[in-house]
Amino acid sequence: MNKPITVDEAIKKGQRMLNYPVQCILLLMLGIGFYAGTQKLASPRILLLGFVLAIVLPWLYWSIMVTKWRLWPLMWSGMSMNSKKELCRNDLSGARAVFLK
C-alpha cells in the first residue's frame, strides 16, 4: 500500500528532480567551456555555442521535468485531497484546475 505523501515531501522531490540536475548541467557546461577556452582547445565560435548550450540544455531539461513533477502527485494515489489543495494554494504545481477536480 502506498503511504500518503505530504506537501513538504512533494516540494523536496521537486527540488531533487528539477533544481539540482539543472544546476549540475549548467555548471558542467560552463566548466567545460571555461576549461576549453583557457586551454585553447576550441575556437571562439565553438566556445560561444557551448555557452549558449549551457543555457539551453538546463532550460530544456527543466521544461520537460517540471511537467513530470506536476503530474507526479496526481498519479500518486496516497496523496490526500487536502494535500493537493495545499499544493494549489502554494501555487507550486501550476496545475490548479486539475487538482481541484
Protein backbone atom coordinates (compact mmCIF):
# COMPACT_ATOMS: atom_id res chain seq x y z
CA MET A 1 0.00 0.00 0.00
CA ASN A 2 1.26 3.48 -0.82
CA LYS A 3 1.86 5.68 2.17
CA PRO A 4 0.45 9.21 1.95
CA ILE A 5 2.88 11.93 0.94
CA THR A 6 2.93 15.41 2.39
CA VAL A 7 3.29 18.71 0.62
CA ASP A 8 6.81 19.03 2.03
CA GLU A 9 7.75 15.67 0.51
CA ALA A 10 6.35 16.78 -2.85
CA ILE A 11 8.35 20.01 -2.68
CA LYS A 12 11.55 18.17 -1.75
CA LYS A 13 11.05 15.73 -4.62
CA GLY A 14 10.52 18.68 -6.94
CA GLN A 15 13.79 20.22 -5.79
CA ARG A 16 15.65 16.96 -6.31
CA MET A 17 14.03 16.39 -9.71
CA LEU A 18 14.31 19.94 -11.02
CA ASN A 19 16.77 22.26 -9.33
CA TYR A 20 19.75 20.04 -8.59
CA PRO A 21 20.14 18.49 -12.06
CA VAL A 22 19.65 21.89 -13.74
CA GLN A 23 22.40 23.38 -11.60
CA CYS A 24 24.72 20.45 -12.35
CA ILE A 25 24.11 20.68 -16.11
CA LEU A 26 24.69 24.43 -16.09
CA LEU A 27 27.87 24.28 -14.03
CA LEU A 28 29.25 21.35 -16.02
CA MET A 29 28.66 23.05 -19.37
CA LEU A 30 30.16 26.33 -18.16
CA GLY A 31 33.11 24.49 -16.62
CA ILE A 32 33.84 22.62 -19.84
CA GLY A 33 33.55 25.84 -21.84
CA PHE A 34 35.83 27.72 -19.46
CA TYR A 35 38.40 24.92 -19.48
CA ALA A 36 38.34 24.64 -23.26
CA GLY A 37 38.74 28.41 -23.55
CA THR A 38 41.69 28.65 -21.19
CA GLN A 39 43.46 25.68 -22.76
CA LYS A 40 42.83 26.91 -26.34
CA LEU A 41 41.13 23.60 -27.18
CA ALA A 42 38.28 25.14 -29.16
CA SER A 43 37.67 28.06 -31.49
CA PRO A 44 35.71 31.10 -30.25
CA ARG A 45 32.65 30.00 -32.25
CA ILE A 46 32.63 26.62 -30.55
CA LEU A 47 33.01 28.31 -27.16
CA LEU A 48 30.09 30.62 -27.91
CA LEU A 49 28.00 27.61 -28.91
CA GLY A 50 29.00 25.91 -25.65
CA PHE A 51 27.88 28.88 -23.59
CA VAL A 52 24.57 29.02 -25.45
CA LEU A 53 24.08 25.29 -24.81
CA ALA A 54 24.88 25.93 -21.14
CA ILE A 55 21.67 27.97 -21.04
CA VAL A 56 19.52 25.94 -23.44
CA LEU A 57 20.16 22.42 -22.11
CA PRO A 58 19.26 23.14 -18.46
CA TRP A 59 16.19 25.07 -19.59
CA LEU A 60 15.10 22.17 -21.82
CA TYR A 61 15.63 19.65 -19.01
CA TRP A 62 13.66 21.84 -16.60
CA SER A 63 10.81 22.27 -19.09
CA ILE A 64 10.39 18.53 -19.50
CA MET A 65 10.84 17.57 -15.87
CA VAL A 66 8.55 20.25 -14.41
CA THR A 67 5.66 18.69 -16.34
CA LYS A 68 6.52 15.25 -14.97
CA TRP A 69 6.72 16.69 -11.46
CA ARG A 70 3.34 18.41 -11.85
CA LEU A 71 1.74 15.11 -12.81
CA TRP A 72 3.55 13.03 -10.18
CA PRO A 73 1.31 13.99 -7.20
CA LEU A 74 -1.79 13.39 -9.29
CA MET A 75 -0.75 9.84 -10.08
CA TRP A 76 0.31 9.15 -6.51
CA SER A 77 -2.75 7.53 -5.03
CA GLY A 78 -1.57 8.09 -1.47
CA MET A 79 -1.76 11.88 -1.66
CA SER A 80 -4.86 13.20 0.06
CA MET A 81 -7.14 15.80 -1.48
CA ASN A 82 -6.20 18.24 1.30
CA SER A 83 -2.54 17.90 0.35
CA LYS A 84 -3.36 18.52 -3.30
CA LYS A 85 -5.33 21.62 -2.35
CA GLU A 86 -2.44 22.85 -0.20
CA LEU A 87 -0.11 22.47 -3.18
CA CYS A 88 -2.55 24.60 -5.18
CA ARG A 89 -2.72 27.27 -2.51
CA ASN A 90 1.05 27.48 -2.55
CA ASP A 91 0.84 27.55 -6.38
CA LEU A 92 3.73 25.13 -6.62
CA SER A 93 2.37 22.83 -9.25
CA GLY A 94 0.77 25.17 -11.75
CA ALA A 95 -1.95 22.56 -12.24
CA ARG A 96 -4.57 24.21 -10.08
CA ALA A 97 -7.58 23.30 -12.22
CA VAL A 98 -6.58 19.64 -12.39
CA PHE A 99 -6.07 19.33 -8.62
CA LEU A 100 -9.42 20.80 -7.73
CA LYS A 101 -11.46 18.46 -9.94
